All heavy atoms as atom14 arrays in JSON, in Angstrom:
{
  "sequence": "DCSLQMGGSDQWGNIVNGVELARRIDQRSIFGLTTPLVTT",
  "atom14_mask": [
    [1, 1, 1, 1, 1, 1, 1, 1, 0, 0, 0, 0, 0, 0],
    [1, 1, 1, 1, 1, 1, 0, 0, 0, 0, 0, 0, 0, 0],
    [1, 1, 1, 1, 1, 1, 0, 0, 0, 0, 0, 0, 0, 0],
    [1, 1, 1, 1, 1, 1, 1, 1, 0, 0, 0, 0, 0, 0],
    [1, 1, 1, 1, 1, 1, 1, 1, 1, 0, 0, 0, 0, 0],
    [1, 1, 1, 1, 1, 1, 1, 1, 0, 0, 0, 0, 0, 0],
    [1, 1, 1, 1, 0, 0, 0, 0, 0, 0, 0, 0, 0, 0],
    [1, 1, 1, 1, 0, 0, 0, 0, 0, 0, 0, 0, 0, 0],
    [1, 1, 1, 1, 1, 1, 0, 0, 0, 0, 0, 0, 0, 0],
    [1, 1, 1, 1, 1, 1, 1, 1, 0, 0, 0, 0, 0, 0],
    [1, 1, 1, 1, 1, 1, 1, 1, 1, 0, 0, 0, 0, 0],
    [1, 1, 1, 1, 1, 1, 1, 1, 1, 1, 1, 1, 1, 1],
    [1, 1, 1, 1, 0, 0, 0, 0, 0, 0, 0, 0, 0, 0],
    [1, 1, 1, 1, 1, 1, 1, 1, 0, 0, 0, 0, 0, 0],
    [1, 1, 1, 1, 1, 1, 1, 1, 0, 0, 0, 0, 0, 0],
    [1, 1, 1, 1, 1, 1, 1, 0, 0, 0, 0, 0, 0, 0],
    [1, 1, 1, 1, 1, 1, 1, 1, 0, 0, 0, 0, 0, 0],
    [1, 1, 1, 1, 0, 0, 0, 0, 0, 0, 0, 0, 0, 0],
    [1, 1, 1, 1, 1, 1, 1, 0, 0, 0, 0, 0, 0, 0],
    [1, 1, 1, 1, 1, 1, 1, 1, 1, 0, 0, 0, 0, 0],
    [1, 1, 1, 1, 1, 1, 1, 1, 0, 0, 0, 0, 0, 0],
    [1, 1, 1, 1, 1, 0, 0, 0, 0, 0, 0, 0, 0, 0],
    [1, 1, 1, 1, 1, 1, 1, 1, 1, 1, 1, 0, 0, 0],
    [1, 1, 1, 1, 1, 1, 1, 1, 1, 1, 1, 0, 0, 0],
    [1, 1, 1, 1, 1, 1, 1, 1, 0, 0, 0, 0, 0, 0],
    [1, 1, 1, 1, 1, 1, 1, 1, 0, 0, 0, 0, 0, 0],
    [1, 1, 1, 1, 1, 1, 1, 1, 1, 0, 0, 0, 0, 0],
    [1, 1, 1, 1, 1, 1, 1, 1, 1, 1, 1, 0, 0, 0],
    [1, 1, 1, 1, 1, 1, 0, 0, 0, 0, 0, 0, 0, 0],
    [1, 1, 1, 1, 1, 1, 1, 1, 0, 0, 0, 0, 0, 0],
    [1, 1, 1, 1, 1, 1, 1, 1, 1, 1, 1, 0, 0, 0],
    [1, 1, 1, 1, 0, 0, 0, 0, 0, 0, 0, 0, 0, 0],
    [1, 1, 1, 1, 1, 1, 1, 1, 0, 0, 0, 0, 0, 0],
    [1, 1, 1, 1, 1, 1, 1, 0, 0, 0, 0, 0, 0, 0],
    [1, 1, 1, 1, 1, 1, 1, 0, 0, 0, 0, 0, 0, 0],
    [1, 1, 1, 1, 1, 1, 1, 0, 0, 0, 0, 0, 0, 0],
    [1, 1, 1, 1, 1, 1, 1, 1, 0, 0, 0, 0, 0, 0],
    [1, 1, 1, 1, 1, 1, 1, 0, 0, 0, 0, 0, 0, 0],
    [1, 1, 1, 1, 1, 1, 1, 0, 0, 0, 0, 0, 0, 0],
    [1, 1, 1, 1, 1, 1, 1, 0, 0, 0, 0, 0, 0, 0]
  ],
  "atom14_positions": [
    [[-113.86, -78.5, -48.89], [-112.76, -79.2, -48.22], [-112.81, -78.77, -46.73], [-111.7, -78.65, -46.08], [-111.46, -78.83, -48.81], [-110.32, -79.75, -48.31], [-110.6, -80.89, -47.97], [-109.14, -79.29, -48.27], [0.0, 0.0, 0.0], [0.0, 0.0, 0.0], [0.0, 0.0, 0.0], [0.0, 0.0, 0.0], [0.0, 0.0, 0.0], [0.0, 0.0, 0.0]],
    [[-113.98, -78.61, -46.17], [-114.15, -78.26, -44.73], [-113.89, -79.46, -43.89], [-114.57, -80.52, -44.05], [-115.56, -77.65, -44.5], [-115.88, -77.21, -42.81], [0.0, 0.0, 0.0], [0.0, 0.0, 0.0], [0.0, 0.0, 0.0], [0.0, 0.0, 0.0], [0.0, 0.0, 0.0], [0.0, 0.0, 0.0], [0.0, 0.0, 0.0], [0.0, 0.0, 0.0]],
    [[-113.02, -79.33, -42.87], [-112.67, -80.48, -42.12], [-112.81, -80.25, -40.6], [-112.32, -81.05, -39.81], [-111.24, -81.0, -42.44], [-110.32, -79.86, -42.35], [0.0, 0.0, 0.0], [0.0, 0.0, 0.0], [0.0, 0.0, 0.0], [0.0, 0.0, 0.0], [0.0, 0.0, 0.0], [0.0, 0.0, 0.0], [0.0, 0.0, 0.0], [0.0, 0.0, 0.0]],
    [[-113.41, -79.15, -40.23], [-113.57, -78.83, -38.78], [-114.97, -78.15, -38.6], [-115.26, -77.18, -39.3], [-112.49, -77.94, -38.23], [-112.65, -77.38, -36.87], [-112.65, -78.5, -35.86], [-111.53, -76.37, -36.52], [0.0, 0.0, 0.0], [0.0, 0.0, 0.0], [0.0, 0.0, 0.0], [0.0, 0.0, 0.0], [0.0, 0.0, 0.0], [0.0, 0.0, 0.0]],
    [[-115.8, -78.71, -37.66], [-116.95, -78.04, -37.26], [-116.81, -77.62, -35.78], [-116.34, -78.41, -34.94], [-118.21, -78.92, -37.34], [-119.47, -78.22, -36.94], [-120.74, -79.05, -36.96], [-121.82, -78.6, -36.57], [-120.65, -80.29, -37.4], [0.0, 0.0, 0.0], [0.0, 0.0, 0.0], [0.0, 0.0, 0.0], [0.0, 0.0, 0.0], [0.0, 0.0, 0.0]],
    [[-117.17, -76.34, -35.5], [-117.1, -75.85, -34.12], [-118.46, -75.42, -33.62], [-119.39, -75.18, -34.47], [-116.12, -74.67, -34.11], [-114.77, -74.94, -34.62], [-113.53, -73.61, -34.42], [-114.22, -72.46, -35.69], [0.0, 0.0, 0.0], [0.0, 0.0, 0.0], [0.0, 0.0, 0.0], [0.0, 0.0, 0.0], [0.0, 0.0, 0.0], [0.0, 0.0, 0.0]],
    [[-118.68, -75.39, -32.35], [-119.97, -75.06, -31.78], [-119.92, -75.07, -30.32], [-118.9, -75.38, -29.67], [0.0, 0.0, 0.0], [0.0, 0.0, 0.0], [0.0, 0.0, 0.0], [0.0, 0.0, 0.0], [0.0, 0.0, 0.0], [0.0, 0.0, 0.0], [0.0, 0.0, 0.0], [0.0, 0.0, 0.0], [0.0, 0.0, 0.0], [0.0, 0.0, 0.0]],
    [[-121.05, -74.83, -29.66], [-121.22, -74.9, -28.25], [-121.23, -76.33, -27.74], [-121.47, -77.2, -28.55], [0.0, 0.0, 0.0], [0.0, 0.0, 0.0], [0.0, 0.0, 0.0], [0.0, 0.0, 0.0], [0.0, 0.0, 0.0], [0.0, 0.0, 0.0], [0.0, 0.0, 0.0], [0.0, 0.0, 0.0], [0.0, 0.0, 0.0], [0.0, 0.0, 0.0]],
    [[-121.04, -76.53, -26.49], [-121.0, -77.85, -25.9], [-122.29, -78.62, -26.13], [-122.35, -79.89, -26.18], [-120.66, -77.84, -24.41], [-121.59, -77.03, -23.69], [0.0, 0.0, 0.0], [0.0, 0.0, 0.0], [0.0, 0.0, 0.0], [0.0, 0.0, 0.0], [0.0, 0.0, 0.0], [0.0, 0.0, 0.0], [0.0, 0.0, 0.0], [0.0, 0.0, 0.0]],
    [[-123.37, -77.86, -26.28], [-124.72, -78.6, -26.54], [-124.79, -79.19, -27.9], [-125.69, -80.03, -28.19], [-125.91, -77.59, -26.3], [-125.82, -76.42, -27.28], [-124.72, -76.04, -27.71], [-126.89, -75.8, -27.53], [0.0, 0.0, 0.0], [0.0, 0.0, 0.0], [0.0, 0.0, 0.0], [0.0, 0.0, 0.0], [0.0, 0.0, 0.0], [0.0, 0.0, 0.0]],
    [[-123.84, -78.85, -28.74], [-123.84, -79.38, -30.11], [-122.91, -80.6, -30.32], [-122.7, -81.15, -31.4], [-123.36, -78.28, -31.08], [-124.33, -77.14, -31.23], [-125.7, -77.55, -31.71], [-125.8, -78.26, -32.68], [-126.75, -77.09, -31.07], [0.0, 0.0, 0.0], [0.0, 0.0, 0.0], [0.0, 0.0, 0.0], [0.0, 0.0, 0.0], [0.0, 0.0, 0.0]],
    [[-122.27, -81.06, -29.21], [-121.24, -82.1, -29.31], [-121.81, -83.36, -30.0], [-121.18, -83.87, -30.93], [-120.78, -82.47, -27.9], [-119.8, -83.61, -27.87], [-119.95, -84.89, -27.39], [-118.43, -83.57, -28.35], [-118.8, -85.58, -27.53], [-117.86, -84.78, -28.1], [-117.65, -82.53, -28.9], [-116.57, -85.15, -28.42], [-116.32, -82.84, -29.3], [-115.84, -84.15, -29.04]],
    [[-122.99, -83.83, -29.6], [-123.54, -85.04, -30.26], [-123.79, -84.87, -31.7], [-123.45, -85.74, -32.5], [0.0, 0.0, 0.0], [0.0, 0.0, 0.0], [0.0, 0.0, 0.0], [0.0, 0.0, 0.0], [0.0, 0.0, 0.0], [0.0, 0.0, 0.0], [0.0, 0.0, 0.0], [0.0, 0.0, 0.0], [0.0, 0.0, 0.0], [0.0, 0.0, 0.0]],
    [[-124.31, -83.7, -32.13], [-124.55, -83.44, -33.53], [-123.26, -83.35, -34.34], [-123.15, -83.86, -35.5], [-125.31, -82.12, -33.71], [-126.71, -82.18, -33.13], [-127.29, -83.22, -32.89], [-127.25, -81.03, -32.85], [0.0, 0.0, 0.0], [0.0, 0.0, 0.0], [0.0, 0.0, 0.0], [0.0, 0.0, 0.0], [0.0, 0.0, 0.0], [0.0, 0.0, 0.0]],
    [[-122.23, -82.74, -33.73], [-120.88, -82.65, -34.39], [-120.28, -84.03, -34.55], [-119.74, -84.38, -35.59], [-119.98, -81.74, -33.61], [-120.55, -80.27, -33.69], [-118.54, -81.77, -34.14], [-119.78, -79.25, -32.81], [0.0, 0.0, 0.0], [0.0, 0.0, 0.0], [0.0, 0.0, 0.0], [0.0, 0.0, 0.0], [0.0, 0.0, 0.0], [0.0, 0.0, 0.0]],
    [[-120.34, -84.82, -33.51], [-119.7, -86.16, -33.57], [-120.43, -87.01, -34.68], [-119.81, -87.8, -35.42], [-119.84, -86.9, -32.21], [-119.5, -88.36, -32.32], [-118.88, -86.22, -31.24], [0.0, 0.0, 0.0], [0.0, 0.0, 0.0], [0.0, 0.0, 0.0], [0.0, 0.0, 0.0], [0.0, 0.0, 0.0], [0.0, 0.0, 0.0], [0.0, 0.0, 0.0]],
    [[-121.79, -86.87, -34.78], [-122.49, -87.57, -35.82], [-121.93, -87.23, -37.24], [-121.78, -88.06, -38.11], [-123.98, -87.17, -35.8], [-124.73, -88.01, -34.69], [-124.33, -89.08, -34.39], [-125.82, -87.4, -34.24], [0.0, 0.0, 0.0], [0.0, 0.0, 0.0], [0.0, 0.0, 0.0], [0.0, 0.0, 0.0], [0.0, 0.0, 0.0], [0.0, 0.0, 0.0]],
    [[-121.59, -85.92, -37.41], [-121.05, -85.51, -38.68], [-119.63, -86.11, -38.95], [-119.33, -86.48, -40.09], [0.0, 0.0, 0.0], [0.0, 0.0, 0.0], [0.0, 0.0, 0.0], [0.0, 0.0, 0.0], [0.0, 0.0, 0.0], [0.0, 0.0, 0.0], [0.0, 0.0, 0.0], [0.0, 0.0, 0.0], [0.0, 0.0, 0.0], [0.0, 0.0, 0.0]],
    [[-118.87, -86.11, -37.86], [-117.52, -86.67, -38.04], [-117.57, -88.16, -38.43], [-116.88, -88.64, -39.3], [-116.74, -86.51, -36.66], [-115.46, -87.34, -36.66], [-116.43, -85.07, -36.37], [0.0, 0.0, 0.0], [0.0, 0.0, 0.0], [0.0, 0.0, 0.0], [0.0, 0.0, 0.0], [0.0, 0.0, 0.0], [0.0, 0.0, 0.0], [0.0, 0.0, 0.0]],
    [[-118.53, -88.88, -37.77], [-118.65, -90.3, -38.05], [-119.28, -90.57, -39.45], [-118.88, -91.56, -40.11], [-119.48, -91.0, -36.97], [-118.75, -90.96, -35.65], [-119.52, -91.7, -34.51], [-120.71, -92.1, -34.8], [-119.0, -91.88, -33.4], [0.0, 0.0, 0.0], [0.0, 0.0, 0.0], [0.0, 0.0, 0.0], [0.0, 0.0, 0.0], [0.0, 0.0, 0.0]],
    [[-120.19, -89.68, -39.82], [-120.81, -89.9, -41.15], [-119.78, -89.69, -42.28], [-119.78, -90.54, -43.23], [-121.94, -88.89, -41.35], [-122.78, -89.03, -42.59], [-123.56, -90.41, -42.58], [-123.76, -87.86, -42.76], [0.0, 0.0, 0.0], [0.0, 0.0, 0.0], [0.0, 0.0, 0.0], [0.0, 0.0, 0.0], [0.0, 0.0, 0.0], [0.0, 0.0, 0.0]],
    [[-118.88, -88.73, -42.18], [-117.85, -88.49, -43.19], [-116.88, -89.73, -43.21], [-116.43, -90.11, -44.3], [-117.08, -87.21, -42.86], [0.0, 0.0, 0.0], [0.0, 0.0, 0.0], [0.0, 0.0, 0.0], [0.0, 0.0, 0.0], [0.0, 0.0, 0.0], [0.0, 0.0, 0.0], [0.0, 0.0, 0.0], [0.0, 0.0, 0.0], [0.0, 0.0, 0.0]],
    [[-116.6, -90.28, -42.04], [-115.7, -91.46, -42.03], [-116.39, -92.63, -42.71], [-115.67, -93.35, -43.46], [-115.37, -91.78, -40.54], [-114.5, -93.04, -40.38], [-114.2, -93.28, -38.92], [-115.37, -93.4, -38.06], [-116.02, -94.58, -38.02], [-115.71, -95.64, -38.74], [-117.14, -94.65, -37.25], [0.0, 0.0, 0.0], [0.0, 0.0, 0.0], [0.0, 0.0, 0.0]],
    [[-117.63, -92.84, -42.42], [-118.27, -94.01, -42.99], [-118.61, -93.85, -44.5], [-118.5, -94.83, -45.28], [-119.6, -94.27, -42.24], [-119.43, -94.73, -40.86], [-120.68, -94.77, -40.07], [-120.54, -95.24, -38.66], [-121.41, -95.17, -37.74], [-122.59, -94.62, -37.99], [-121.2, -95.62, -36.56], [0.0, 0.0, 0.0], [0.0, 0.0, 0.0], [0.0, 0.0, 0.0]],
    [[-119.02, -92.71, -44.97], [-119.43, -92.47, -46.29], [-118.24, -92.21, -47.22], [-118.11, -92.77, -48.26], [-120.49, -91.32, -46.42], [-121.74, -91.61, -45.6], [-120.82, -91.07, -47.92], [-122.59, -92.68, -46.16], [0.0, 0.0, 0.0], [0.0, 0.0, 0.0], [0.0, 0.0, 0.0], [0.0, 0.0, 0.0], [0.0, 0.0, 0.0], [0.0, 0.0, 0.0]],
    [[-117.35, -91.28, -46.78], [-116.26, -90.83, -47.64], [-114.87, -91.29, -47.15], [-113.89, -90.94, -47.73], [-116.2, -89.29, -47.73], [-117.42, -88.7, -48.56], [-118.12, -89.51, -49.22], [-117.61, -87.47, -48.55], [0.0, 0.0, 0.0], [0.0, 0.0, 0.0], [0.0, 0.0, 0.0], [0.0, 0.0, 0.0], [0.0, 0.0, 0.0], [0.0, 0.0, 0.0]],
    [[-114.84, -92.05, -46.1], [-113.62, -92.5, -45.46], [-112.67, -91.34, -45.23], [-111.48, -91.44, -45.52], [-112.97, -93.57, -46.39], [-113.71, -94.88, -46.47], [-114.9, -94.82, -47.42], [-114.76, -94.37, -48.58], [-116.08, -95.2, -46.98], [0.0, 0.0, 0.0], [0.0, 0.0, 0.0], [0.0, 0.0, 0.0], [0.0, 0.0, 0.0], [0.0, 0.0, 0.0]],
    [[-113.2, -90.32, -44.68], [-112.46, -89.08, -44.47], [-112.39, -88.72, -42.99], [-113.42, -88.89, -42.31], [-113.06, -87.92, -45.26], [-112.28, -86.59, -45.05], [-112.79, -85.51, -45.92], [-111.97, -84.31, -45.61], [-112.23, -83.11, -46.14], [-113.24, -82.95, -46.98], [-111.41, -82.05, -45.88], [0.0, 0.0, 0.0], [0.0, 0.0, 0.0], [0.0, 0.0, 0.0]],
    [[-111.24, -88.27, -42.51], [-111.11, -87.82, -41.15], [-111.38, -86.35, -41.07], [-110.69, -85.54, -41.67], [-109.68, -88.12, -40.64], [-109.47, -89.51, -40.57], [0.0, 0.0, 0.0], [0.0, 0.0, 0.0], [0.0, 0.0, 0.0], [0.0, 0.0, 0.0], [0.0, 0.0, 0.0], [0.0, 0.0, 0.0], [0.0, 0.0, 0.0], [0.0, 0.0, 0.0]],
    [[-112.41, -85.99, -40.32], [-112.73, -84.58, -40.02], [-112.9, -84.42, -38.55], [-112.94, -85.45, -37.81], [-113.93, -84.06, -40.81], [-115.18, -84.98, -40.51], [-113.7, -84.13, -42.26], [-116.45, -84.51, -41.21], [0.0, 0.0, 0.0], [0.0, 0.0, 0.0], [0.0, 0.0, 0.0], [0.0, 0.0, 0.0], [0.0, 0.0, 0.0], [0.0, 0.0, 0.0]],
    [[-113.0, -83.21, -38.05], [-112.86, -82.96, -36.58], [-113.99, -82.07, -36.05], [-114.61, -81.35, -36.8], [-111.5, -82.27, -36.39], [-110.31, -83.02, -36.93], [-109.89, -82.77, -38.27], [-109.62, -83.95, -36.15], [-108.82, -83.48, -38.81], [-108.53, -84.59, -36.72], [-108.16, -84.38, -38.0], [0.0, 0.0, 0.0], [0.0, 0.0, 0.0], [0.0, 0.0, 0.0]],
    [[-114.11, -82.12, -34.74], [-115.03, -81.31, -34.04], [-114.49, -80.7, -32.82], [-113.59, -81.27, -32.19], [0.0, 0.0, 0.0], [0.0, 0.0, 0.0], [0.0, 0.0, 0.0], [0.0, 0.0, 0.0], [0.0, 0.0, 0.0], [0.0, 0.0, 0.0], [0.0, 0.0, 0.0], [0.0, 0.0, 0.0], [0.0, 0.0, 0.0], [0.0, 0.0, 0.0]],
    [[-114.89, -79.47, -32.54], [-114.37, -78.73, -31.36], [-115.53, -77.94, -30.8], [-116.3, -77.29, -31.49], [-113.27, -77.75, -31.78], [-112.51, -76.97, -30.72], [-111.17, -76.52, -31.28], [-113.24, -75.7, -30.26], [0.0, 0.0, 0.0], [0.0, 0.0, 0.0], [0.0, 0.0, 0.0], [0.0, 0.0, 0.0], [0.0, 0.0, 0.0], [0.0, 0.0, 0.0]],
    [[-115.72, -78.11, -29.47], [-116.8, -77.33, -28.78], [-116.24, -76.42, -27.68], [-115.17, -76.68, -27.18], [-117.88, -78.21, -28.17], [-117.25, -79.13, -27.18], [-118.51, -79.17, -29.26], [0.0, 0.0, 0.0], [0.0, 0.0, 0.0], [0.0, 0.0, 0.0], [0.0, 0.0, 0.0], [0.0, 0.0, 0.0], [0.0, 0.0, 0.0], [0.0, 0.0, 0.0]],
    [[-117.05, -75.42, -27.35], [-116.73, -74.48, -26.28], [-117.59, -74.85, -25.08], [-118.65, -75.43, -25.19], [-117.03, -73.03, -26.72], [-118.4, -72.95, -27.08], [-116.18, -72.67, -27.96], [0.0, 0.0, 0.0], [0.0, 0.0, 0.0], [0.0, 0.0, 0.0], [0.0, 0.0, 0.0], [0.0, 0.0, 0.0], [0.0, 0.0, 0.0], [0.0, 0.0, 0.0]],
    [[-117.1, -74.43, -23.87], [-117.92, -74.63, -22.7], [-119.17, -73.73, -22.79], [-119.23, -72.75, -23.45], [-117.02, -74.19, -21.53], [-115.67, -74.05, -22.12], [-115.82, -73.8, -23.56], [0.0, 0.0, 0.0], [0.0, 0.0, 0.0], [0.0, 0.0, 0.0], [0.0, 0.0, 0.0], [0.0, 0.0, 0.0], [0.0, 0.0, 0.0], [0.0, 0.0, 0.0]],
    [[-120.21, -74.16, -22.06], [-121.4, -73.3, -21.89], [-120.96, -72.16, -21.08], [-120.4, -72.25, -20.01], [-122.52, -74.08, -21.2], [-123.75, -73.3, -20.81], [-124.49, -72.86, -22.09], [-124.68, -74.08, -19.94], [0.0, 0.0, 0.0], [0.0, 0.0, 0.0], [0.0, 0.0, 0.0], [0.0, 0.0, 0.0], [0.0, 0.0, 0.0], [0.0, 0.0, 0.0]],
    [[-121.21, -70.95, -21.54], [-120.74, -69.71, -20.83], [-121.92, -69.22, -20.03], [-123.03, -68.94, -20.51], [-120.3, -68.62, -21.87], [-119.85, -67.38, -21.06], [-119.15, -69.14, -22.76], [0.0, 0.0, 0.0], [0.0, 0.0, 0.0], [0.0, 0.0, 0.0], [0.0, 0.0, 0.0], [0.0, 0.0, 0.0], [0.0, 0.0, 0.0], [0.0, 0.0, 0.0]],
    [[-121.68, -69.12, -18.73], [-122.67, -68.61, -17.78], [-122.05, -67.42, -17.04], [-120.87, -67.25, -16.95], [-123.19, -69.66, -16.85], [-122.0, -70.16, -16.07], [-123.83, -70.8, -17.55], [0.0, 0.0, 0.0], [0.0, 0.0, 0.0], [0.0, 0.0, 0.0], [0.0, 0.0, 0.0], [0.0, 0.0, 0.0], [0.0, 0.0, 0.0], [0.0, 0.0, 0.0]],
    [[-122.93, -66.62, -16.44], [-122.46, -65.54, -15.61], [-122.19, -66.09, -14.22], [-122.48, -67.24, -13.96], [-123.49, -64.43, -15.5], [-124.66, -64.9, -14.87], [-123.85, -63.88, -16.95], [0.0, 0.0, 0.0], [0.0, 0.0, 0.0], [0.0, 0.0, 0.0], [0.0, 0.0, 0.0], [0.0, 0.0, 0.0], [0.0, 0.0, 0.0], [0.0, 0.0, 0.0]]
  ]
}
């Protein structure tokens, strides 16, 4: 029953793909959250 994937900003496209796949296959709303790229 996992409904949130988190990751770095470079993973945004991959996360969005998962959100859309769940909506299309299982008609389920799930979410994605990314963090900024951390630099010094």
